C-alpha atoms as a PDB file:
ATOM      1  CA  MET A   1       0.000   0.000   0.000  1.00  0.00           C
ATOM      2  CA  THR A   2       1.407   3.385  -1.029  1.00  0.00           C
ATOM      3  CA  ILE A   3       1.497   6.120   1.583  1.00  0.00           C
ATOM      4  CA  GLN A   4       2.146   9.829   1.109  1.00  0.00           C
ATOM      5  CA  ALA A   5       3.127  12.302   3.805  1.00  0.00           C
ATOM      6  CA  GLU A   6       3.846  15.984   3.429  1.00  0.00           C
ATOM      7  CA  ALA A   7       5.419  18.849   5.314  1.00  0.00           C
ATOM      8  CA  ARG A   8       5.503  22.578   4.598  1.00  0.00           C
ATOM      9  CA  LEU A   9       7.901  25.358   5.427  1.00  0.00           C
ATOM     10  CA  ASN A  10       6.387  28.807   5.008  1.00  0.00           C
ATOM     11  CA  GLY A  11       8.262  32.089   5.125  1.00  0.00           C
ATOM     12  CA  LEU A  12      11.841  30.844   4.869  1.00  0.00           C
ATOM     13  CA  HIS A  13      14.031  33.970   4.745  1.00  0.00           C
ATOM     14  CA  ILE A  14      16.184  32.756   1.864  1.00  0.00           C
ATOM     15  CA  SER A  15      15.609  33.609  -1.793  1.00  0.00           C
ATOM     16  CA  ASP A  16      13.599  31.051  -3.771  1.00  0.00           C
ATOM     17  CA  LYS A  17      16.360  30.840  -6.396  1.00  0.00           C
ATOM     18  CA  LYS A  18      18.925  29.851  -3.771  1.00  0.00           C
ATOM     19  CA  VAL A  19      16.639  27.228  -2.219  1.00  0.00           C
ATOM     20  CA  ARG A  20      15.752  25.819  -5.649  1.00  0.00           C
ATOM     21  CA  LEU A  21      19.450  25.056  -6.279  1.00  0.00           C
ATOM     22  CA  VAL A  22      19.450  22.775  -3.228  1.00  0.00           C
ATOM     23  CA  VAL A  23      16.020  21.249  -3.797  1.00  0.00           C
ATOM     24  CA  ASP A  24      16.721  20.258  -7.405  1.00  0.00           C
ATOM     25  CA  LEU A  25      19.561  17.989  -6.294  1.00  0.00           C
ATOM     26  CA  VAL A  26      17.444  15.879  -3.912  1.00  0.00           C
ATOM     27  CA  ARG A  27      14.193  15.595  -5.890  1.00  0.00           C
ATOM     28  CA  GLY A  28      13.303  11.948  -6.529  1.00  0.00           C
ATOM     29  CA  LEU A  29      15.961  10.491  -4.212  1.00  0.00           C
ATOM     30  CA  PRO A  30      15.382   8.086  -1.318  1.00  0.00           C
ATOM     31  CA  ILE A  31      15.609  10.031   1.925  1.00  0.00           C
ATOM     32  CA  GLU A  32      18.864   8.381   3.060  1.00  0.00           C
ATOM     33  CA  GLN A  33      20.583   9.469  -0.160  1.00  0.00           C
ATOM     34  CA  ALA A  34      19.016  12.919   0.177  1.00  0.00           C
ATOM     35  CA  TYR A  35      20.470  13.282   3.694  1.00  0.00           C
ATOM     36  CA  ALA A  36      23.910  12.302   2.405  1.00  0.00           C
ATOM     37  CA  GLN A  37      23.627  14.734  -0.496  1.00  0.00           C
ATOM     38  CA  LEU A  38      22.485  17.593   1.743  1.00  0.00           C
ATOM     39  CA  SER A  39      25.128  17.016   4.400  1.00  0.00           C
ATOM     40  CA  ALA A  40      27.867  17.309   1.753  1.00  0.00           C
ATOM     41  CA  MET A  41      26.583  20.684   0.474  1.00  0.00           C
ATOM     42  CA  ASN A  42      27.944  24.078   1.399  1.00  0.00           C
ATOM     43  CA  LYS A  43      24.721  26.097   1.004  1.00  0.00           C
ATOM     44  CA  ALA A  44      22.744  28.017   3.608  1.00  0.00           C
ATOM     45  CA  ALA A  45      19.476  26.439   2.439  1.00  0.00           C
ATOM     46  CA  ARG A  46      20.581  22.874   3.180  1.00  0.00           C
ATOM     47  CA  LYS A  47      19.767  22.975   6.912  1.00  0.00           C
ATOM     48  CA  PRO A  48      16.131  24.126   6.589  1.00  0.00           C
ATOM     49  CA  VAL A  49      15.537  21.691   3.697  1.00  0.00           C
ATOM     50  CA  MET A  50      17.045  18.793   5.670  1.00  0.00           C
ATOM     51  CA  LYS A  51      14.930  19.704   8.689  1.00  0.00           C
ATOM     52  CA  LEU A  52      11.818  19.815   6.476  1.00  0.00           C
ATOM     53  CA  ILE A  53      12.532  16.371   5.024  1.00  0.00           C
ATOM     54  CA  LYS A  54      13.046  14.982   8.545  1.00  0.00           C
ATOM     55  CA  SER A  55       9.704  16.476   9.552  1.00  0.00           C
ATOM     56  CA  ALA A  56       7.971  14.845   6.590  1.00  0.00           C
ATOM     57  CA  GLU A  57       9.657  11.546   7.466  1.00  0.00           C
ATOM     58  CA  ALA A  58       8.395  11.813  11.049  1.00  0.00           C
ATOM     59  CA  ASN A  59       4.892  12.551   9.735  1.00  0.00           C
ATOM     60  CA  ALA A  60       5.014   9.461   7.517  1.00  0.00           C
ATOM     61  CA  VAL A  61       6.315   7.146  10.237  1.00  0.00           C
ATOM     62  CA  HIS A  62       4.156   8.435  13.084  1.00  0.00           C
ATOM     63  CA  ASN A  63       0.866   9.335  11.387  1.00  0.00           C
ATOM     64  CA  SER A  64       0.757   6.884   8.471  1.00  0.00           C
ATOM     65  CA  LYS A  65       2.858   4.048   9.960  1.00  0.00           C
ATOM     66  CA  ALA A  66       5.090   4.019   6.864  1.00  0.00           C
ATOM     67  CA  ASP A  67       8.335   2.097   6.653  1.00  0.00           C
ATOM     68  CA  ALA A  68      11.141   4.698   6.848  1.00  0.00           C
ATOM     69  CA  SER A  69      13.486   2.678   4.623  1.00  0.00           C
ATOM     70  CA  THR A  70      11.077   2.859   1.660  1.00  0.00           C
ATOM     71  CA  LEU A  71      10.431   6.620   1.714  1.00  0.00           C
ATOM     72  CA  VAL A  72      11.296   8.565  -1.432  1.00  0.00           C
ATOM     73  CA  ILE A  73      10.997  12.300  -2.090  1.00  0.00           C
ATOM     74  CA  HIS A  74       8.022  12.239  -4.442  1.00  0.00           C
ATOM     75  CA  THR A  75       7.572  15.988  -4.940  1.00  0.00           C
ATOM     76  CA  ILE A  76       9.400  18.973  -3.543  1.00  0.00           C
ATOM     77  CA  GLN A  77       8.639  22.478  -4.707  1.00  0.00           C
ATOM     78  CA  VAL A  78       9.720  26.005  -3.901  1.00  0.00           C
ATOM     79  CA  ASN A  79       7.375  28.969  -4.338  1.00  0.00           C
ATOM     80  CA  LYS A  80       7.973  32.660  -3.889  1.00  0.00           C
ATOM     81  CA  GLY A  81       7.038  34.162  -0.564  1.00  0.00           C
ATOM     82  CA  SER A  82       6.533  37.732   0.553  1.00  0.00           C
ATOM     83  CA  MET A  83       9.172  40.403   0.110  1.00  0.00           C
ATOM     84  CA  GLN A  84      10.405  42.784   2.761  1.00  0.00           C
ATOM     85  CA  TYR A  85      11.165  46.248   1.458  1.00  0.00           C
ATOM     86  CA  ARG A  86      14.052  48.139   3.014  1.00  0.00           C
ATOM     87  CA  SER A  87      16.097  51.090   1.843  1.00  0.00           C
ATOM     88  CA  MET A  88      19.767  51.950   1.891  1.00  0.00           C
ATOM     89  CA  PRO A  89      20.882  55.594   2.113  1.00  0.00           C
ATOM     90  CA  ARG A  90      22.679  56.831  -0.986  1.00  0.00           C
ATOM     91  CA  ALA A  91      24.297  60.060  -2.121  1.00  0.00           C
ATOM     92  CA  ARG A  92      22.526  63.434  -2.002  1.00  0.00           C
ATOM     93  CA  GLY A  93      19.840  62.283   0.419  1.00  0.00           C
ATOM     94  CA  THR A  94      18.342  59.637  -1.845  1.00  0.00           C
ATOM     95  CA  ALA A  95      17.632  56.007  -0.989  1.00  0.00           C
ATOM     96  CA  ALA A  96      18.097  52.781  -2.911  1.00  0.00           C
ATOM     97  CA  PRO A  97      15.545  49.987  -2.447  1.00  0.00           C
ATOM     98  CA  ILE A  98      16.535  46.650  -0.904  1.00  0.00           C
ATOM     99  CA  ARG A  99      14.225  43.695  -1.408  1.00  0.00           C
ATOM    100  CA  ARG A 100      14.594  40.760   0.975  1.00  0.00           C
ATOM    101  CA  HIS A 101      13.094  37.660  -0.561  1.00  0.00           C
ATOM    102  CA  SER A 102      11.472  34.714   1.183  1.00  0.00           C
ATOM    103  CA  CYS A 103      10.004  31.435  -0.046  1.00  0.00           C
ATOM    104  CA  HIS A 104       7.682  28.555   0.778  1.00  0.00           C
ATOM    105  CA  VAL A 105       8.877  24.933   0.465  1.00  0.00           C
ATOM    106  CA  TRP A 106       6.561  21.901   0.241  1.00  0.00           C
ATOM    107  CA  VAL A 107       7.733  18.310   0.282  1.00  0.00           C
ATOM    108  CA  THR A 108       5.779  15.098  -0.251  1.00  0.00           C
ATOM    109  CA  LEU A 109       7.297  11.731   0.601  1.00  0.00           C
ATOM    110  CA  GLN A 110       6.006   8.490  -0.834  1.00  0.00           C
ATOM    111  CA  GLY A 111       6.583   5.058   0.651  1.00  0.00           C
ATOM    112  CA  THR A 112       4.987   1.774   1.479  1.00  0.00           C
ATOM    113  CA  ALA A 113       3.396   0.627   4.695  1.00  0.00           C
ATOM    114  CA  PRO A 114       4.592  -2.580   6.287  1.00  0.00           C
ATOM    115  CA  ASP A 115       2.276  -5.378   5.240  1.00  0.00           C
ATOM    116  CA  ALA A 116      -0.500  -6.046   7.686  1.00  0.00           C
ATOM    117  CA  GLN A 117      -0.590  -9.511   9.182  1.00  0.00           C
ATOM    118  CA  PRO A 118      -2.863 -11.662   7.043  1.00  0.00           C
ATOM    119  CA  ALA A 119      -5.774 -13.064   8.961  1.00  0.00           C
ATOM    120  CA  SER A 120      -5.372 -16.727   9.812  1.00  0.00           C
ATOM    121  CA  SER A 121      -7.725 -19.126   8.113  1.00  0.00           C
ATOM    122  CA  GLU A 122      -9.282 -20.057  11.473  1.00  0.00           C
ATOM    123  CA  ALA A 123     -10.197 -16.425  12.194  1.00  0.00           C
ATOM    124  CA  VAL A 124     -11.772 -16.081   8.746  1.00  0.00           C
ATOM    125  CA  VAL A 125     -13.845 -19.257   9.246  1.00  0.00           C
ATOM    126  CA  GLU A 126     -15.019 -18.028  12.671  1.00  0.00           C
ATOM    127  CA  ALA A 127     -15.961 -14.631  11.275  1.00  0.00           C
ATOM    128  CA  LYS A 128     -18.024 -16.237   8.504  1.00  0.00           C
ATOM    129  CA  ALA A 129     -19.749 -18.550  10.985  1.00  0.00           C
ATOM    130  CA  GLU A 130     -20.986 -15.621  13.054  1.00  0.00           C
END
């Protein structure tokens, strides 16, 4: 049985372009390989993305009783968030705009649940008899 679990990170104060560079490398990987890939990176966005994947893994294992060894990053997407507008003083009393970008990251993991114990033939016969 296929199980999906998701996690969301809203309002991450890193530009969506910078986060997309990290996310594109782990899309479609099993989570163990994704952790290895992320831990070898030297990007600021790797820690929040790794934490998000761990949260989605915990959701899958705890809520859906999925097997952690079968989880794969099914979809992971980065959308633009709100912008903070600041200004920097410039020459002759003018100001230059500064735009601080943020983003939203969504991840969906897909895996299989451990097989349920098949009912014994005696239990099936008793259930039919009642």
